[in-house]
Amino acid sequence: MAGACPKCGWQPVDGSACPRCGVHVAGYLAELAAGAQVSAPAALERLSAIPAVSAARPDVRPAGFWIRVVAAIIDTAVILVAQAVLYAVASIVFGGRSSIAIRGAAQVFGAMLIAVYSVLCHWRWGQTLGKMAVDIRVVTCRPMPTSPGWLTDGGPLTLGCAALRQLASLLSSATLGVGYLMAGFRRDKRALHDLIAGTRVERLP
């Protein structure tokens, strides 16, 4: 059964190294055991608890279309509140100037906020606030050799991967939403931007 990284807490960790912080789990636990002067039997017991490398993740449950819609609605509400606060602050600071200019500036920064919010949240946590609320997250979906710098299946997104996914979501929108609807018809529930960025959305264990 997959466990959690003893250093950064990322889970699940199916291989010998954590996909987020890159620490070698067995070695890290051995160092902790040595530093704490843990007895040999206790150290061996802790090391034996490390899961073996798993080629497949039978526990993975892809997040379907509708649960992703709920997450998107929550994220939209968060963005709208942030934009309203931004507009209110701009009105107070620049109250004597044209409201049209203020509204235009607020919309520009609001659009930037949407992109930054999505990219940073998916990069740092694999989840936006909406996805946290419904217990789903975005992970990589492209098995690659286990070595430094490679993305592993089911691991966290790099900043570049998160940015690519956000850019690809524009294409999902440009196809009149068909790119998003693909998640409802594919067995793996991956939308067009997931296929482009090499990601998938899964339910948390």
C-alpha atoms as a PDB file:
ATOM      1  CA  MET A   1       0.000   0.000   0.000  1.00  0.00           C
ATOM      2  CA  ALA A   2       1.322   3.438  -0.862  1.00  0.00           C
ATOM      3  CA  GLY A   3       2.561   5.592   1.981  1.00  0.00           C
ATOM      4  CA  ALA A   4       3.477   9.216   2.579  1.00  0.00           C
ATOM      5  CA  CYS A   5       6.871  10.880   2.226  1.00  0.00           C
ATOM      6  CA  PRO A   6       8.473  11.123   5.699  1.00  0.00           C
ATOM      7  CA  LYS A   7      10.107  14.446   4.769  1.00  0.00           C
ATOM      8  CA  CYS A   8       7.525  16.570   2.918  1.00  0.00           C
ATOM      9  CA  GLY A   9       4.337  14.557   3.505  1.00  0.00           C
ATOM     10  CA  TRP A  10       3.439  14.061  -0.184  1.00  0.00           C
ATOM     11  CA  GLN A  11       1.289  11.014  -0.746  1.00  0.00           C
ATOM     12  CA  PRO A  12       1.088   8.498  -2.161  1.00  0.00           C
ATOM     13  CA  VAL A  13       4.755   7.550  -2.583  1.00  0.00           C
ATOM     14  CA  ASP A  14       4.842   4.373  -4.666  1.00  0.00           C
ATOM     15  CA  GLY A  15       8.544   4.236  -5.483  1.00  0.00           C
ATOM     16  CA  SER A  16      11.830   4.523  -3.661  1.00  0.00           C
ATOM     17  CA  ALA A  17      11.946   8.329  -4.041  1.00  0.00           C
ATOM     18  CA  CYS A  18       9.372  11.017  -3.271  1.00  0.00           C
ATOM     19  CA  PRO A  19       8.053  12.565  -6.520  1.00  0.00           C
ATOM     20  CA  ARG A  20       7.826  16.032  -4.930  1.00  0.00           C
ATOM     21  CA  CYS A  21      10.982  16.592  -2.859  1.00  0.00           C
ATOM     22  CA  GLY A  22      13.084  13.829  -4.453  1.00  0.00           C
ATOM     23  CA  VAL A  23      14.263  12.376  -1.146  1.00  0.00           C
ATOM     24  CA  HIS A  24      15.226   8.687  -1.163  1.00  0.00           C
ATOM     25  CA  VAL A  25      12.726   7.413   1.381  1.00  0.00           C
ATOM     26  CA  ALA A  26      14.651   4.405   2.682  1.00  0.00           C
ATOM     27  CA  GLY A  27      17.872   6.400   3.011  1.00  0.00           C
ATOM     28  CA  TYR A  28      16.085   9.263   4.726  1.00  0.00           C
ATOM     29  CA  LEU A  29      14.505   6.943   7.257  1.00  0.00           C
ATOM     30  CA  ALA A  30      17.869   5.289   7.831  1.00  0.00           C
ATOM     31  CA  GLU A  31      19.435   8.674   8.566  1.00  0.00           C
ATOM     32  CA  LEU A  32      16.623   9.502  10.980  1.00  0.00           C
ATOM     33  CA  ALA A  33      17.065   6.157  12.679  1.00  0.00           C
ATOM     34  CA  ALA A  34      20.820   6.665  13.005  1.00  0.00           C
ATOM     35  CA  GLY A  35      20.458  10.238  14.236  1.00  0.00           C
ATOM     36  CA  ALA A  36      17.961   9.255  16.868  1.00  0.00           C
ATOM     37  CA  GLN A  37      20.085   6.244  17.848  1.00  0.00           C
ATOM     38  CA  VAL A  38      17.224   3.902  17.169  1.00  0.00           C
ATOM     39  CA  SER A  39      17.982   0.251  17.813  1.00  0.00           C
ATOM     40  CA  ALA A  40      18.714  -1.932  14.788  1.00  0.00           C
ATOM     41  CA  PRO A  41      15.498  -3.979  15.036  1.00  0.00           C
ATOM     42  CA  ALA A  42      13.405  -0.800  15.194  1.00  0.00           C
ATOM     43  CA  ALA A  43      15.218   0.708  12.199  1.00  0.00           C
ATOM     44  CA  LEU A  44      14.701  -2.461  10.165  1.00  0.00           C
ATOM     45  CA  GLU A  45      11.025  -2.435  11.065  1.00  0.00           C
ATOM     46  CA  ARG A  46      10.656   1.148   9.808  1.00  0.00           C
ATOM     47  CA  LEU A  47      12.513   0.404   6.592  1.00  0.00           C
ATOM     48  CA  SER A  48      10.396  -2.659   5.924  1.00  0.00           C
ATOM     49  CA  ALA A  49       7.313  -0.435   5.985  1.00  0.00           C
ATOM     50  CA  ILE A  50       8.449   1.350   2.813  1.00  0.00           C
ATOM     51  CA  PRO A  51       6.225   0.202  -0.084  1.00  0.00           C
ATOM     52  CA  ALA A  52       7.822  -1.575  -2.995  1.00  0.00           C
ATOM     53  CA  VAL A  53       7.899   0.079  -6.423  1.00  0.00           C
ATOM     54  CA  SER A  54       4.535  -0.321  -8.046  1.00  0.00           C
ATOM     55  CA  ALA A  55       4.186  -0.285 -11.807  1.00  0.00           C
ATOM     56  CA  ALA A  56       0.453   0.327 -11.578  1.00  0.00           C
ATOM     57  CA  ARG A  57      -1.832   2.241  -9.243  1.00  0.00           C
ATOM     58  CA  PRO A  58      -4.977   0.129  -8.842  1.00  0.00           C
ATOM     59  CA  ASP A  59      -6.270   2.592  -6.230  1.00  0.00           C
ATOM     60  CA  VAL A  60      -6.388   5.499  -8.685  1.00  0.00           C
ATOM     61  CA  ARG A  61      -9.895   6.783  -9.299  1.00  0.00           C
ATOM     62  CA  PRO A  62     -10.152   9.392 -12.062  1.00  0.00           C
ATOM     63  CA  ALA A  63     -12.214  12.467 -11.252  1.00  0.00           C
ATOM     64  CA  GLY A  64     -15.266  12.608 -13.485  1.00  0.00           C
ATOM     65  CA  PHE A  65     -16.690  15.533 -15.409  1.00  0.00           C
ATOM     66  CA  TRP A  66     -19.303  16.713 -12.929  1.00  0.00           C
ATOM     67  CA  ILE A  67     -17.104  16.747  -9.847  1.00  0.00           C
ATOM     68  CA  ARG A  68     -14.667  18.870 -11.843  1.00  0.00           C
ATOM     69  CA  VAL A  69     -17.545  21.203 -12.743  1.00  0.00           C
ATOM     70  CA  VAL A  70     -18.312  21.650  -9.022  1.00  0.00           C
ATOM     71  CA  ALA A  71     -14.641  22.434  -8.362  1.00  0.00           C
ATOM     72  CA  ALA A  72     -14.654  24.954 -11.231  1.00  0.00           C
ATOM     73  CA  ILE A  73     -17.766  26.665  -9.834  1.00  0.00           C
ATOM     74  CA  ILE A  74     -16.090  27.050  -6.436  1.00  0.00           C
ATOM     75  CA  ASP A  75     -12.934  28.419  -8.060  1.00  0.00           C
ATOM     76  CA  THR A  76     -15.010  30.848 -10.118  1.00  0.00           C
ATOM     77  CA  ALA A  77     -16.685  32.111  -6.941  1.00  0.00           C
ATOM     78  CA  VAL A  78     -13.271  32.585  -5.312  1.00  0.00           C
ATOM     79  CA  ILE A  79     -11.991  34.517  -8.328  1.00  0.00           C
ATOM     80  CA  LEU A  80     -15.114  36.706  -8.478  1.00  0.00           C
ATOM     81  CA  VAL A  81     -14.748  37.612  -4.805  1.00  0.00           C
ATOM     82  CA  ALA A  82     -11.062  38.421  -5.330  1.00  0.00           C
ATOM     83  CA  GLN A  83     -11.907  40.563  -8.363  1.00  0.00           C
ATOM     84  CA  ALA A  84     -14.623  42.398  -6.413  1.00  0.00           C
ATOM     85  CA  VAL A  85     -12.183  43.149  -3.605  1.00  0.00           C
ATOM     86  CA  LEU A  86      -9.603  44.281  -6.160  1.00  0.00           C
ATOM     87  CA  TYR A  87     -12.125  46.611  -7.795  1.00  0.00           C
ATOM     88  CA  ALA A  88     -13.221  48.006  -4.406  1.00  0.00           C
ATOM     89  CA  VAL A  89      -9.637  48.722  -3.386  1.00  0.00           C
ATOM     90  CA  ALA A  90      -8.889  50.343  -6.764  1.00  0.00           C
ATOM     91  CA  SER A  91     -12.013  52.518  -6.415  1.00  0.00           C
ATOM     92  CA  ILE A  92     -10.897  53.706  -2.994  1.00  0.00           C
ATOM     93  CA  VAL A  93      -7.322  54.424  -4.067  1.00  0.00           C
ATOM     94  CA  PHE A  94      -8.224  56.022  -7.406  1.00  0.00           C
ATOM     95  CA  GLY A  95     -11.688  57.249  -6.522  1.00  0.00           C
ATOM     96  CA  GLY A  96     -11.282  60.575  -8.268  1.00  0.00           C
ATOM     97  CA  ARG A  97     -10.525  59.075 -11.657  1.00  0.00           C
ATOM     98  CA  SER A  98     -12.640  57.497 -14.368  1.00  0.00           C
ATOM     99  CA  SER A  99     -14.545  54.428 -13.185  1.00  0.00           C
ATOM    100  CA  ILE A 100     -14.205  52.957 -16.691  1.00  0.00           C
ATOM    101  CA  ALA A 101     -10.412  53.019 -16.409  1.00  0.00           C
ATOM    102  CA  ILE A 102     -10.603  51.458 -12.949  1.00  0.00           C
ATOM    103  CA  ARG A 103     -12.957  48.760 -14.181  1.00  0.00           C
ATOM    104  CA  GLY A 104     -10.712  48.015 -17.151  1.00  0.00           C
ATOM    105  CA  ALA A 105      -7.599  47.777 -14.983  1.00  0.00           C
ATOM    106  CA  ALA A 106      -9.420  45.550 -12.505  1.00  0.00           C
ATOM    107  CA  GLN A 107     -10.517  43.230 -15.314  1.00  0.00           C
ATOM    108  CA  VAL A 108      -6.958  42.973 -16.642  1.00  0.00           C
ATOM    109  CA  PHE A 109      -5.550  42.149 -13.231  1.00  0.00           C
ATOM    110  CA  GLY A 110      -8.483  39.815 -12.644  1.00  0.00           C
ATOM    111  CA  ALA A 111      -7.633  37.857 -15.783  1.00  0.00           C
ATOM    112  CA  MET A 112      -4.014  37.659 -14.669  1.00  0.00           C
ATOM    113  CA  LEU A 113      -5.188  36.501 -11.236  1.00  0.00           C
ATOM    114  CA  ILE A 114      -7.078  33.571 -12.784  1.00  0.00           C
ATOM    115  CA  ALA A 115      -3.955  32.319 -14.563  1.00  0.00           C
ATOM    116  CA  VAL A 116      -1.611  32.871 -11.622  1.00  0.00           C
ATOM    117  CA  TYR A 117      -4.051  31.305  -9.169  1.00  0.00           C
ATOM    118  CA  SER A 118      -4.449  28.150 -11.241  1.00  0.00           C
ATOM    119  CA  VAL A 119      -0.777  27.721 -12.140  1.00  0.00           C
ATOM    120  CA  LEU A 120       0.576  28.318  -8.638  1.00  0.00           C
ATOM    121  CA  CYS A 121      -2.010  26.146  -6.893  1.00  0.00           C
ATOM    122  CA  HIS A 122      -1.547  23.224  -9.270  1.00  0.00           C
ATOM    123  CA  TRP A 123       2.231  23.550  -9.047  1.00  0.00           C
ATOM    124  CA  ARG A 124       2.498  23.802  -5.266  1.00  0.00           C
ATOM    125  CA  TRP A 125      -0.369  21.578  -4.126  1.00  0.00           C
ATOM    126  CA  GLY A 126      -1.870  19.918  -7.195  1.00  0.00           C
ATOM    127  CA  GLN A 127      -5.168  21.520  -6.170  1.00  0.00           C
ATOM    128  CA  THR A 128      -7.013  24.778  -6.318  1.00  0.00           C
ATOM    129  CA  LEU A 129      -9.402  25.691  -3.499  1.00  0.00           C
ATOM    130  CA  GLY A 130     -12.252  24.180  -5.513  1.00  0.00           C
ATOM    131  CA  LYS A 131     -10.405  20.905  -5.976  1.00  0.00           C
ATOM    132  CA  MET A 132      -9.510  20.836  -2.279  1.00  0.00           C
ATOM    133  CA  ALA A 133     -13.191  21.199  -1.442  1.00  0.00           C
ATOM    134  CA  VAL A 134     -14.178  18.129  -3.491  1.00  0.00           C
ATOM    135  CA  ASP A 135     -11.030  16.061  -2.745  1.00  0.00           C
ATOM    136  CA  ILE A 136      -9.496  15.835  -6.204  1.00  0.00           C
ATOM    137  CA  ARG A 137      -6.053  16.806  -7.467  1.00  0.00           C
ATOM    138  CA  VAL A 138      -4.024  17.117 -10.659  1.00  0.00           C
ATOM    139  CA  VAL A 139      -1.017  14.836 -11.103  1.00  0.00           C
ATOM    140  CA  THR A 140       1.301  13.916 -13.953  1.00  0.00           C
ATOM    141  CA  CYS A 141       0.228  11.169 -16.314  1.00  0.00           C
ATOM    142  CA  ARG A 142       3.270  10.178 -18.289  1.00  0.00           C
ATOM    143  CA  PRO A 143       5.478   7.363 -16.951  1.00  0.00           C
ATOM    144  CA  MET A 144       9.142   8.223 -17.418  1.00  0.00           C
ATOM    145  CA  PRO A 145      12.484   6.833 -16.167  1.00  0.00           C
ATOM    146  CA  THR A 146      13.031   7.354 -12.461  1.00  0.00           C
ATOM    147  CA  SER A 147      15.900   9.816 -12.382  1.00  0.00           C
ATOM    148  CA  PRO A 148      16.384  13.426 -11.284  1.00  0.00           C
ATOM    149  CA  GLY A 149      14.495  15.843 -13.475  1.00  0.00           C
ATOM    150  CA  TRP A 150      12.038  13.317 -14.888  1.00  0.00           C
ATOM    151  CA  LEU A 151       8.328  13.497 -14.207  1.00  0.00           C
ATOM    152  CA  THR A 152       6.874  10.255 -12.881  1.00  0.00           C
ATOM    153  CA  ASP A 153       3.346   8.997 -13.260  1.00  0.00           C
ATOM    154  CA  GLY A 154       1.124  10.227 -10.460  1.00  0.00           C
ATOM    155  CA  GLY A 155       3.684  12.772  -9.269  1.00  0.00           C
ATOM    156  CA  PRO A 156       3.375  16.515  -8.667  1.00  0.00           C
ATOM    157  CA  LEU A 157       3.403  19.012 -11.522  1.00  0.00           C
ATOM    158  CA  THR A 158       6.440  21.125 -12.275  1.00  0.00           C
ATOM    159  CA  LEU A 159       5.906  24.853 -12.732  1.00  0.00           C
ATOM    160  CA  GLY A 160       6.309  24.438 -16.492  1.00  0.00           C
ATOM    161  CA  CYS A 161       3.786  21.604 -16.604  1.00  0.00           C
ATOM    162  CA  ALA A 162       1.254  23.633 -14.596  1.00  0.00           C
ATOM    163  CA  ALA A 163       1.741  26.614 -16.922  1.00  0.00           C
ATOM    164  CA  LEU A 164       1.348  24.431 -20.021  1.00  0.00           C
ATOM    165  CA  ARG A 165      -1.865  22.964 -18.629  1.00  0.00           C
ATOM    166  CA  GLN A 166      -3.249  26.461 -18.041  1.00  0.00           C
ATOM    167  CA  LEU A 167      -2.365  27.548 -21.586  1.00  0.00           C
ATOM    168  CA  ALA A 168      -3.857  24.356 -22.994  1.00  0.00           C
ATOM    169  CA  SER A 169      -7.103  25.056 -21.125  1.00  0.00           C
ATOM    170  CA  LEU A 170      -7.542  28.060 -23.436  1.00  0.00           C
ATOM    171  CA  LEU A 171      -7.653  25.587 -26.308  1.00  0.00           C
ATOM    172  CA  SER A 172     -10.268  23.547 -24.459  1.00  0.00           C
ATOM    173  CA  SER A 173     -12.341  26.723 -24.213  1.00  0.00           C
ATOM    174  CA  ALA A 174     -11.673  27.756 -27.822  1.00  0.00           C
ATOM    175  CA  THR A 175     -13.233  24.494 -29.056  1.00  0.00           C
ATOM    176  CA  LEU A 176     -16.581  25.700 -27.646  1.00  0.00           C
ATOM    177  CA  GLY A 177     -15.959  23.679 -24.503  1.00  0.00           C
ATOM    178  CA  VAL A 178     -15.513  20.383 -26.344  1.00  0.00           C
ATOM    179  CA  GLY A 179     -12.050  20.073 -24.796  1.00  0.00           C
ATOM    180  CA  TYR A 180     -13.636  20.080 -21.351  1.00  0.00           C
ATOM    181  CA  LEU A 181     -16.464  17.743 -22.372  1.00  0.00           C
ATOM    182  CA  MET A 182     -13.897  15.118 -23.374  1.00  0.00           C
ATOM    183  CA  ALA A 183     -13.475  14.388 -19.658  1.00  0.00           C
ATOM    184  CA  GLY A 184     -17.043  13.125 -19.577  1.00  0.00           C
ATOM    185  CA  PHE A 185     -16.611  10.629 -22.421  1.00  0.00           C
ATOM    186  CA  ARG A 186     -13.107   9.266 -22.020  1.00  0.00           C
ATOM    187  CA  ARG A 187     -12.533   6.287 -19.755  1.00  0.00           C
ATOM    188  CA  ASP A 188      -9.566   7.996 -18.077  1.00  0.00           C
ATOM    189  CA  LYS A 189     -11.606  11.224 -17.683  1.00  0.00           C
ATOM    190  CA  ARG A 190      -8.832  13.366 -19.187  1.00  0.00           C
ATOM    191  CA  ALA A 191      -9.769  16.632 -20.863  1.00  0.00           C
ATOM    192  CA  LEU A 192      -7.973  18.060 -23.881  1.00  0.00           C
ATOM    193  CA  HIS A 193      -5.662  20.212 -21.766  1.00  0.00           C
ATOM    194  CA  ASP A 194      -4.789  17.148 -19.666  1.00  0.00           C
ATOM    195  CA  LEU A 195      -3.754  15.269 -22.788  1.00  0.00           C
ATOM    196  CA  ILE A 196      -1.634  18.191 -23.987  1.00  0.00           C
ATOM    197  CA  ALA A 197       0.082  18.802 -20.647  1.00  0.00           C
ATOM    198  CA  GLY A 198       0.457  15.136 -19.709  1.00  0.00           C
ATOM    199  CA  THR A 199      -1.720  15.319 -16.610  1.00  0.00           C
ATOM    200  CA  ARG A 200      -4.808  13.715 -15.151  1.00  0.00           C
ATOM    201  CA  VAL A 201      -7.257  14.600 -12.388  1.00  0.00           C
ATOM    202  CA  GLU A 202      -7.791  11.959  -9.736  1.00  0.00           C
ATOM    203  CA  ARG A 203      -9.800  11.556  -6.571  1.00  0.00           C
ATOM    204  CA  LEU A 204      -7.843  11.563  -3.347  1.00  0.00           C
ATOM    205  CA  PRO A 205      -7.553   8.178  -1.586  1.00  0.00           C
END
